[in-house]
């Protein structure tokens, strides 16, 4: 609240800036989980658009793992300082932003994100 708002009694609600952006690496807790679903604290990449993140207070992410099979649903991360492993494009998650533990301070390169986007497009194609 600023001095003018106090004086006039009119409080203008300021929307916080979108702090999460497409391509950001963040830490999330994927538990509880069932079966082969990812569990525990892992890095993830935000795949939802900035406008989606801002409008709904949710983020859509793909987790990053060092495990899994050789299926073509993974994108290997190379030359990142804070995040290592592979993006698992088969486990797409939507989380409230309050569940984000922290940002890693690093973002996925545009060329790498293009490959992840292609894998997601294949996974989400209409198939009926």
Protein backbone atom coordinates (compact mmCIF):
# COMPACT_ATOMS: atom_id res chain seq x y z
CA UNK A 1 0.00 0.00 0.00
CA UNK A 2 1.37 3.44 -0.88
CA UNK A 3 0.73 6.78 0.88
CA UNK A 4 -1.94 7.85 -1.64
CA UNK A 5 -3.86 4.62 -1.09
CA UNK A 6 -3.77 5.14 2.69
CA UNK A 7 -4.89 8.80 2.36
CA UNK A 8 -7.81 8.10 0.00
CA UNK A 9 -8.77 4.72 1.43
CA UNK A 10 -8.65 3.26 -2.06
CA UNK A 11 -6.47 0.21 -2.20
CA UNK A 12 -5.47 -0.83 -5.66
CA UNK A 13 -4.67 -4.49 -5.79
CA UNK A 14 -1.46 -4.98 -7.69
CA UNK A 15 -1.06 -8.28 -9.44
CA UNK A 16 2.34 -9.82 -8.75
CA UNK A 17 4.62 -10.17 -11.72
CA UNK A 18 4.66 -13.59 -13.29
CA UNK A 19 7.60 -15.18 -11.56
CA UNK A 20 7.50 -18.49 -13.42
CA UNK A 21 8.26 -18.67 -17.12
CA UNK A 22 8.14 -21.35 -19.78
CA UNK A 23 11.52 -23.07 -19.82
CA UNK A 24 12.38 -22.32 -16.18
CA UNK A 25 13.85 -25.18 -14.16
CA UNK A 26 12.18 -25.53 -10.75
CA UNK A 27 12.25 -27.96 -7.83
CA UNK A 28 9.02 -29.82 -6.98
CA UNK A 29 7.98 -32.64 -4.70
CA UNK A 30 6.27 -35.30 -6.84
CA UNK A 31 5.04 -37.31 -3.83
CA UNK A 32 2.63 -38.85 -3.20
CA UNK A 33 2.74 -41.08 -6.23
CA UNK A 34 1.59 -44.51 -7.32
CA UNK A 35 3.12 -47.27 -9.40
CA UNK A 36 5.93 -46.07 -11.63
CA UNK A 37 5.11 -42.39 -11.22
CA UNK A 38 7.95 -40.09 -10.22
CA UNK A 39 8.20 -39.58 -6.47
CA UNK A 40 10.14 -37.30 -4.19
CA UNK A 41 11.92 -34.01 -4.83
CA UNK A 42 13.06 -33.53 -8.44
CA UNK A 43 13.84 -30.73 -10.81
CA UNK A 44 11.29 -30.09 -13.55
CA UNK A 45 10.96 -27.82 -16.54
CA UNK A 46 7.92 -25.55 -16.89
CA UNK A 47 6.25 -26.28 -20.22
CA UNK A 48 3.13 -24.12 -19.84
CA UNK A 49 3.03 -20.66 -21.40
CA UNK A 50 3.71 -17.52 -19.38
CA UNK A 51 0.11 -16.35 -19.88
CA UNK A 52 -1.19 -19.69 -18.56
CA UNK A 53 1.12 -19.47 -15.54
CA UNK A 54 -0.03 -15.92 -14.83
CA UNK A 55 -3.77 -16.47 -15.37
CA UNK A 56 -4.41 -19.62 -13.40
CA UNK A 57 -1.72 -19.75 -10.72
CA UNK A 58 -0.81 -23.19 -12.04
CA UNK A 59 2.21 -24.46 -13.95
CA UNK A 60 2.44 -27.47 -16.21
CA UNK A 61 5.76 -29.25 -15.90
CA UNK A 62 7.72 -32.26 -17.06
CA UNK A 63 9.95 -33.84 -14.41
CA UNK A 64 13.65 -34.44 -14.86
CA UNK A 65 15.06 -37.83 -13.97
CA UNK A 66 18.25 -39.80 -14.23
CA UNK A 67 16.32 -43.10 -14.39
CA UNK A 68 13.89 -44.68 -16.84
CA UNK A 69 14.06 -46.68 -20.01
CA UNK A 70 15.48 -45.88 -23.44
CA UNK A 71 12.03 -44.92 -24.74
CA UNK A 72 11.95 -41.91 -27.07
CA UNK A 73 9.96 -39.89 -24.53
CA UNK A 74 13.04 -38.50 -22.82
CA UNK A 75 15.15 -35.51 -23.74
CA UNK A 76 18.71 -35.58 -22.40
CA UNK A 77 19.95 -32.35 -20.83
CA UNK A 78 23.51 -31.42 -21.77
CA UNK A 79 25.67 -28.49 -20.59
CA UNK A 80 23.45 -27.24 -17.77
CA UNK A 81 25.08 -26.27 -14.48
CA UNK A 82 22.26 -26.86 -11.99
CA UNK A 83 20.16 -29.58 -13.63
CA UNK A 84 21.27 -32.99 -14.92
CA UNK A 85 19.38 -35.92 -16.36
CA UNK A 86 16.56 -36.27 -18.85
CA UNK A 87 13.23 -34.50 -19.27
CA UNK A 88 10.48 -37.11 -18.98
CA UNK A 89 7.85 -35.98 -21.48
CA UNK A 90 5.52 -38.85 -20.59
CA UNK A 91 4.80 -37.60 -17.06
CA UNK A 92 3.14 -34.24 -17.60
CA UNK A 93 2.00 -32.66 -14.32
CA UNK A 94 -0.04 -29.61 -13.39
CA UNK A 95 0.76 -28.07 -10.00
CA UNK A 96 -0.37 -25.05 -8.06
CA UNK A 97 2.54 -22.60 -8.06
CA UNK A 98 2.63 -22.71 -4.25
CA UNK A 99 4.00 -26.27 -4.54
CA UNK A 100 7.18 -25.04 -6.23
CA UNK A 101 10.01 -25.43 -3.73
CA UNK A 102 12.49 -23.20 -5.55
CA UNK A 103 13.79 -22.11 -8.93
CA UNK A 104 17.19 -23.42 -9.95
CA UNK A 105 18.16 -20.07 -11.45
CA UNK A 106 18.65 -21.64 -14.85
CA UNK A 107 16.43 -21.85 -17.94
CA UNK A 108 16.28 -24.34 -20.76
CA UNK A 109 17.73 -23.07 -24.04
CA UNK A 110 15.25 -22.28 -26.80
CA UNK A 111 16.65 -25.00 -29.07
CA UNK A 112 16.37 -27.64 -26.32
CA UNK A 113 12.84 -26.48 -25.48
CA UNK A 114 11.88 -26.90 -29.13
CA UNK A 115 12.78 -30.61 -28.90
CA UNK A 116 10.82 -31.01 -25.66
CA UNK A 117 7.86 -29.28 -27.28
CA UNK A 118 8.04 -31.72 -30.21
CA UNK A 119 8.03 -34.71 -27.84
CA UNK A 120 5.03 -33.25 -26.00
CA UNK A 121 3.23 -32.66 -29.30
CA UNK A 122 3.73 -36.31 -30.22
CA UNK A 123 2.45 -37.46 -26.82
CA UNK A 124 -0.62 -35.22 -27.01
CA UNK A 125 -1.66 -35.76 -30.64
CA UNK A 126 -5.29 -36.56 -31.24
CA UNK A 127 -5.41 -40.29 -31.88
CA UNK A 128 -9.08 -41.19 -32.47
